[in-house]
Amino acid sequence: LAHKLNASGVHLTSTQFGDIPKAKELSLYVIISCHTFEDIEKAINNQADAVTYSPIFETPNKGVPKGVEALEEVINKYPNINIIALGGIINDKQIEQISKTKAYGFASIRYFV
């Protein structure tokens, strides 16, 4: 669908690792949702361009928040992939905390709505 719509990229769910090669064949920029070190390693092995790592903060129905310290840990452990903070980001204080890391960026819905 992303290719048909002439999009430049796609954000895949954490169950779609097998779709990374297909998306790359279509020259799409690929971001995939990750929740563990193992997920990030799978993303790297499948040549994803970036990952979201979540949830960083408390967010409804998304499990235990990982926190900024865990975000920093994955950024340091996996320096060769862009890591985007996701999950429970709802205020400027949280964005300031994330900005002190080397995260590629952050994604949120509730912060912008």
N, C-alpha and C. Protein backbone atom coordinates (compact mmCIF):
# COMPACT_ATOMS: atom_id res chain seq x y z
N LEU A 1 0.83 -1.19 0.00
CA LEU A 1 0.00 0.00 0.00
C LEU A 1 0.88 1.26 0.00
N ALA A 2 1.92 1.27 0.84
CA ALA A 2 2.80 2.45 0.89
C ALA A 2 3.41 2.72 -0.48
N HIS A 3 3.81 1.68 -1.18
CA HIS A 3 4.39 1.84 -2.51
C HIS A 3 3.35 2.36 -3.50
N LYS A 4 2.15 1.79 -3.44
CA LYS A 4 1.07 2.22 -4.34
C LYS A 4 0.71 3.69 -4.13
N LEU A 5 0.81 4.14 -2.88
CA LEU A 5 0.48 5.53 -2.55
C LEU A 5 1.66 6.48 -2.79
N ASN A 6 2.76 5.91 -3.29
CA ASN A 6 3.97 6.69 -3.57
C ASN A 6 4.57 7.29 -2.30
N ALA A 7 4.41 6.58 -1.19
CA ALA A 7 5.03 7.01 0.07
C ALA A 7 6.52 6.72 0.01
N SER A 8 7.28 7.43 0.83
CA SER A 8 8.72 7.20 0.84
C SER A 8 9.13 6.15 1.86
N GLY A 9 8.20 5.80 2.76
CA GLY A 9 8.55 4.81 3.77
C GLY A 9 7.32 4.19 4.41
N VAL A 10 7.61 3.27 5.34
CA VAL A 10 6.55 2.54 6.01
C VAL A 10 6.98 2.24 7.45
N HIS A 11 6.01 2.26 8.37
CA HIS A 11 6.24 1.87 9.77
C HIS A 11 5.55 0.54 9.99
N LEU A 12 6.33 -0.51 10.20
CA LEU A 12 5.80 -1.85 10.38
C LEU A 12 5.60 -2.15 11.86
N THR A 13 4.66 -3.05 12.15
CA THR A 13 4.42 -3.46 13.53
C THR A 13 5.47 -4.49 13.94
N SER A 14 5.50 -4.81 15.23
CA SER A 14 6.48 -5.75 15.74
C SER A 14 6.22 -7.20 15.32
N THR A 15 5.18 -7.42 14.56
CA THR A 15 4.92 -8.77 14.03
C THR A 15 5.24 -8.87 12.54
N GLN A 16 5.82 -7.81 11.97
CA GLN A 16 6.03 -7.78 10.53
C GLN A 16 7.51 -7.80 10.10
N PHE A 17 8.35 -8.43 10.87
CA PHE A 17 9.77 -8.49 10.50
C PHE A 17 9.98 -9.12 9.13
N GLY A 18 9.15 -10.10 8.80
CA GLY A 18 9.25 -10.75 7.50
C GLY A 18 8.93 -9.83 6.33
N ASP A 19 8.29 -8.70 6.59
CA ASP A 19 7.95 -7.76 5.52
C ASP A 19 9.05 -6.74 5.25
N ILE A 20 10.07 -6.69 6.09
CA ILE A 20 11.15 -5.73 5.87
C ILE A 20 11.80 -5.93 4.50
N PRO A 21 12.23 -7.15 4.14
CA PRO A 21 12.86 -7.31 2.82
C PRO A 21 11.96 -6.90 1.66
N LYS A 22 10.66 -7.19 1.77
CA LYS A 22 9.72 -6.80 0.71
C LYS A 22 9.67 -5.28 0.56
N ALA A 23 9.61 -4.58 1.70
CA ALA A 23 9.55 -3.12 1.67
C ALA A 23 10.85 -2.54 1.13
N LYS A 24 11.99 -3.12 1.50
CA LYS A 24 13.28 -2.65 1.01
C LYS A 24 13.39 -2.84 -0.50
N GLU A 25 12.85 -3.95 -1.02
CA GLU A 25 12.85 -4.20 -2.46
C GLU A 25 12.07 -3.11 -3.21
N LEU A 26 11.11 -2.50 -2.54
CA LEU A 26 10.31 -1.43 -3.14
C LEU A 26 10.93 -0.05 -2.88
N SER A 27 12.16 -0.05 -2.36
CA SER A 27 12.91 1.18 -2.06
C SER A 27 12.23 2.06 -1.02
N LEU A 28 11.54 1.44 -0.09
CA LEU A 28 10.89 2.18 0.99
C LEU A 28 11.85 2.32 2.17
N TYR A 29 11.77 3.44 2.86
CA TYR A 29 12.46 3.62 4.14
C TYR A 29 11.65 2.84 5.16
N VAL A 30 12.30 1.95 5.90
CA VAL A 30 11.58 1.03 6.77
C VAL A 30 11.87 1.30 8.24
N ILE A 31 10.80 1.58 8.98
CA ILE A 31 10.84 1.69 10.43
C ILE A 31 10.00 0.54 10.97
N ILE A 32 10.50 -0.13 12.01
CA ILE A 32 9.73 -1.22 12.60
C ILE A 32 9.68 -1.06 14.12
N SER A 33 8.54 -1.38 14.68
CA SER A 33 8.34 -1.29 16.13
C SER A 33 9.12 -2.39 16.84
N CYS A 34 9.89 -1.99 17.87
CA CYS A 34 10.68 -2.94 18.66
C CYS A 34 10.43 -2.69 20.14
N HIS A 35 10.50 -3.80 20.89
CA HIS A 35 10.25 -3.72 22.33
C HIS A 35 11.35 -4.39 23.15
N THR A 36 12.27 -5.10 22.46
CA THR A 36 13.34 -5.82 23.14
C THR A 36 14.64 -5.69 22.35
N PHE A 37 15.74 -6.06 23.00
CA PHE A 37 17.03 -6.10 22.30
C PHE A 37 16.94 -7.07 21.12
N GLU A 38 16.29 -8.20 21.33
CA GLU A 38 16.17 -9.20 20.28
C GLU A 38 15.42 -8.64 19.07
N ASP A 39 14.38 -7.85 19.32
CA ASP A 39 13.65 -7.21 18.21
C ASP A 39 14.59 -6.30 17.42
N ILE A 40 15.39 -5.52 18.12
CA ILE A 40 16.29 -4.59 17.44
C ILE A 40 17.32 -5.36 16.62
N GLU A 41 17.83 -6.45 17.16
CA GLU A 41 18.78 -7.28 16.41
C GLU A 41 18.14 -7.85 15.15
N LYS A 42 16.87 -8.29 15.25
CA LYS A 42 16.15 -8.78 14.06
C LYS A 42 15.99 -7.66 13.04
N ALA A 43 15.68 -6.46 13.51
CA ALA A 43 15.51 -5.32 12.61
C ALA A 43 16.82 -5.03 11.87
N ILE A 44 17.93 -5.05 12.60
CA ILE A 44 19.23 -4.81 11.99
C ILE A 44 19.56 -5.91 10.98
N ASN A 45 19.36 -7.16 11.37
CA ASN A 45 19.66 -8.29 10.47
C ASN A 45 18.82 -8.26 9.21
N ASN A 46 17.62 -7.68 9.30
CA ASN A 46 16.74 -7.56 8.12
C ASN A 46 16.90 -6.23 7.39
N GLN A 47 17.86 -5.43 7.83
CA GLN A 47 18.23 -4.16 7.19
C GLN A 47 17.15 -3.08 7.25
N ALA A 48 16.45 -3.03 8.38
CA ALA A 48 15.53 -1.90 8.60
C ALA A 48 16.37 -0.63 8.70
N ASP A 49 15.77 0.51 8.37
CA ASP A 49 16.47 1.78 8.44
C ASP A 49 16.41 2.39 9.83
N ALA A 50 15.34 2.10 10.55
CA ALA A 50 15.15 2.68 11.88
C ALA A 50 14.18 1.81 12.66
N VAL A 51 14.18 2.01 13.98
CA VAL A 51 13.23 1.31 14.83
C VAL A 51 12.58 2.30 15.78
N THR A 52 11.35 2.00 16.17
CA THR A 52 10.78 2.67 17.33
C THR A 52 11.02 1.74 18.50
N TYR A 53 11.34 2.31 19.66
CA TYR A 53 11.56 1.52 20.87
C TYR A 53 10.55 2.01 21.88
N SER A 54 9.74 1.06 22.40
CA SER A 54 8.63 1.48 23.26
C SER A 54 8.19 0.38 24.21
N PRO A 55 7.35 0.79 25.20
CA PRO A 55 6.99 2.16 25.55
C PRO A 55 8.04 2.77 26.48
N ILE A 56 8.36 4.02 26.25
CA ILE A 56 9.33 4.71 27.11
C ILE A 56 8.66 5.15 28.41
N PHE A 57 7.47 5.72 28.30
CA PHE A 57 6.73 6.18 29.47
C PHE A 57 5.42 5.41 29.58
N GLU A 58 4.73 5.57 30.68
CA GLU A 58 3.44 4.92 30.92
C GLU A 58 2.46 5.29 29.81
N THR A 59 1.84 4.28 29.23
CA THR A 59 0.85 4.49 28.20
C THR A 59 -0.18 3.37 28.28
N PRO A 60 -1.44 3.67 28.05
CA PRO A 60 -2.50 2.67 28.23
C PRO A 60 -2.29 1.40 27.39
N ASN A 61 -2.36 0.26 28.05
CA ASN A 61 -2.36 -1.05 27.40
C ASN A 61 -1.10 -1.38 26.61
N LYS A 62 0.04 -0.80 26.99
CA LYS A 62 1.28 -1.06 26.25
C LYS A 62 2.36 -1.69 27.10
N GLY A 63 2.02 -2.15 28.28
CA GLY A 63 2.99 -2.83 29.11
C GLY A 63 3.78 -1.89 30.00
N VAL A 64 4.75 -2.46 30.68
CA VAL A 64 5.58 -1.72 31.62
C VAL A 64 6.47 -0.74 30.86
N PRO A 65 6.49 0.52 31.28
CA PRO A 65 7.36 1.49 30.60
C PRO A 65 8.83 1.16 30.80
N LYS A 66 9.63 1.36 29.76
CA LYS A 66 11.04 1.03 29.81
C LYS A 66 11.86 2.13 30.49
N GLY A 67 11.46 3.39 30.30
CA GLY A 67 12.17 4.51 30.89
C GLY A 67 13.30 5.02 30.00
N VAL A 68 13.75 6.21 30.34
CA VAL A 68 14.79 6.88 29.55
C VAL A 68 16.13 6.16 29.67
N GLU A 69 16.40 5.57 30.84
CA GLU A 69 17.66 4.86 31.03
C GLU A 69 17.76 3.66 30.07
N ALA A 70 16.68 2.93 29.90
CA ALA A 70 16.67 1.80 28.97
C ALA A 70 16.80 2.29 27.53
N LEU A 71 16.19 3.43 27.23
CA LEU A 71 16.33 4.03 25.90
C LEU A 71 17.80 4.33 25.63
N GLU A 72 18.47 4.95 26.59
CA GLU A 72 19.90 5.24 26.43
C GLU A 72 20.72 3.96 26.25
N GLU A 73 20.34 2.93 26.98
CA GLU A 73 21.06 1.65 26.88
C GLU A 73 20.97 1.07 25.47
N VAL A 74 19.77 1.06 24.88
CA VAL A 74 19.65 0.50 23.53
C VAL A 74 20.34 1.38 22.50
N ILE A 75 20.30 2.69 22.69
CA ILE A 75 20.98 3.60 21.77
C ILE A 75 22.48 3.32 21.79
N ASN A 76 23.04 3.13 22.98
CA ASN A 76 24.47 2.85 23.09
C ASN A 76 24.83 1.46 22.58
N LYS A 77 23.95 0.50 22.79
CA LYS A 77 24.22 -0.88 22.37
C LYS A 77 24.10 -1.05 20.86
N TYR A 78 23.23 -0.26 20.22
CA TYR A 78 22.99 -0.39 18.78
C TYR A 78 23.20 0.95 18.08
N PRO A 79 24.45 1.41 17.97
CA PRO A 79 24.72 2.73 17.38
C PRO A 79 24.52 2.80 15.86
N ASN A 80 24.36 1.65 15.20
CA ASN A 80 24.29 1.66 13.75
C ASN A 80 22.87 1.63 13.19
N ILE A 81 21.88 1.90 14.05
CA ILE A 81 20.51 2.01 13.56
C ILE A 81 19.84 3.20 14.27
N ASN A 82 19.03 3.91 13.55
CA ASN A 82 18.30 5.04 14.13
C ASN A 82 17.22 4.51 15.07
N ILE A 83 17.22 5.04 16.31
CA ILE A 83 16.25 4.60 17.31
C ILE A 83 15.35 5.78 17.68
N ILE A 84 14.06 5.58 17.51
CA ILE A 84 13.05 6.59 17.76
C ILE A 84 12.28 6.22 19.03
N ALA A 85 12.24 7.13 19.99
CA ALA A 85 11.52 6.90 21.24
C ALA A 85 10.02 6.97 20.97
N LEU A 86 9.27 6.08 21.60
CA LEU A 86 7.82 6.01 21.40
C LEU A 86 7.16 5.54 22.68
N GLY A 87 5.97 6.00 22.92
CA GLY A 87 5.17 5.47 24.01
C GLY A 87 5.06 6.37 25.21
N GLY A 88 3.87 6.91 25.42
CA GLY A 88 3.58 7.70 26.60
C GLY A 88 4.17 9.09 26.61
N ILE A 89 4.60 9.57 25.49
CA ILE A 89 5.22 10.90 25.40
C ILE A 89 4.09 11.92 25.27
N ILE A 90 3.86 12.67 26.37
CA ILE A 90 2.70 13.56 26.37
C ILE A 90 3.03 14.99 26.80
N ASN A 91 4.30 15.26 27.19
CA ASN A 91 4.59 16.62 27.65
C ASN A 91 6.03 17.03 27.34
N ASP A 92 6.28 18.32 27.50
CA ASP A 92 7.59 18.88 27.19
C ASP A 92 8.70 18.34 28.09
N LYS A 93 8.38 18.02 29.33
CA LYS A 93 9.38 17.47 30.25
C LYS A 93 9.92 16.14 29.70
N GLN A 94 9.03 15.30 29.22
CA GLN A 94 9.44 14.02 28.66
C GLN A 94 10.29 14.20 27.40
N ILE A 95 9.89 15.14 26.56
CA ILE A 95 10.66 15.41 25.35
C ILE A 95 12.05 15.93 25.72
N GLU A 96 12.13 16.75 26.74
CA GLU A 96 13.43 17.23 27.21
C GLU A 96 14.30 16.06 27.67
N GLN A 97 13.71 15.12 28.40
CA GLN A 97 14.45 13.93 28.84
C GLN A 97 14.97 13.14 27.64
N ILE A 98 14.13 12.94 26.65
CA ILE A 98 14.53 12.20 25.45
C ILE A 98 15.60 12.96 24.69
N SER A 99 15.49 14.28 24.64
CA SER A 99 16.47 15.08 23.88
C SER A 99 17.87 15.00 24.48
N LYS A 100 17.98 14.59 25.73
CA LYS A 100 19.29 14.44 26.36
C LYS A 100 19.96 13.12 25.97
N THR A 101 19.23 12.26 25.29
CA THR A 101 19.79 11.01 24.78
C THR A 101 20.22 11.24 23.34
N LYS A 102 20.74 10.22 22.71
CA LYS A 102 21.10 10.32 21.30
C LYS A 102 20.02 9.67 20.43
N ALA A 103 18.79 9.70 20.92
CA ALA A 103 17.68 9.15 20.12
C ALA A 103 17.59 9.92 18.81
N TYR A 104 17.24 9.21 17.76
CA TYR A 104 17.08 9.82 16.44
C TYR A 104 15.93 10.81 16.45
N GLY A 105 14.95 10.53 17.30
CA GLY A 105 13.79 11.40 17.43
C GLY A 105 12.77 10.75 18.34
N PHE A 106 11.55 11.28 18.30
CA PHE A 106 10.46 10.68 19.07
C PHE A 106 9.21 10.70 18.23
N ALA A 107 8.30 9.81 18.57
CA ALA A 107 7.00 9.75 17.91
C ALA A 107 5.93 9.72 19.00
N SER A 108 4.82 10.37 18.73
CA SER A 108 3.74 10.44 19.69
C SER A 108 2.44 10.79 18.99
N ILE A 109 1.37 10.40 19.59
CA ILE A 109 0.05 10.84 19.14
C ILE A 109 -0.49 11.85 20.14
N ARG A 110 -0.55 11.45 21.41
CA ARG A 110 -1.19 12.27 22.42
C ARG A 110 -0.48 13.62 22.64
N TYR A 111 0.81 13.70 22.41
CA TYR A 111 1.51 14.99 22.57
C TYR A 111 0.99 16.01 21.56
N PHE A 112 0.66 15.55 20.37
CA PHE A 112 0.26 16.45 19.29
C PHE A 112 -1.24 16.68 19.20
N VAL A 113 -2.02 15.83 19.85
CA VAL A 113 -3.47 15.94 19.74
C VAL A 113 -4.01 16.89 20.79
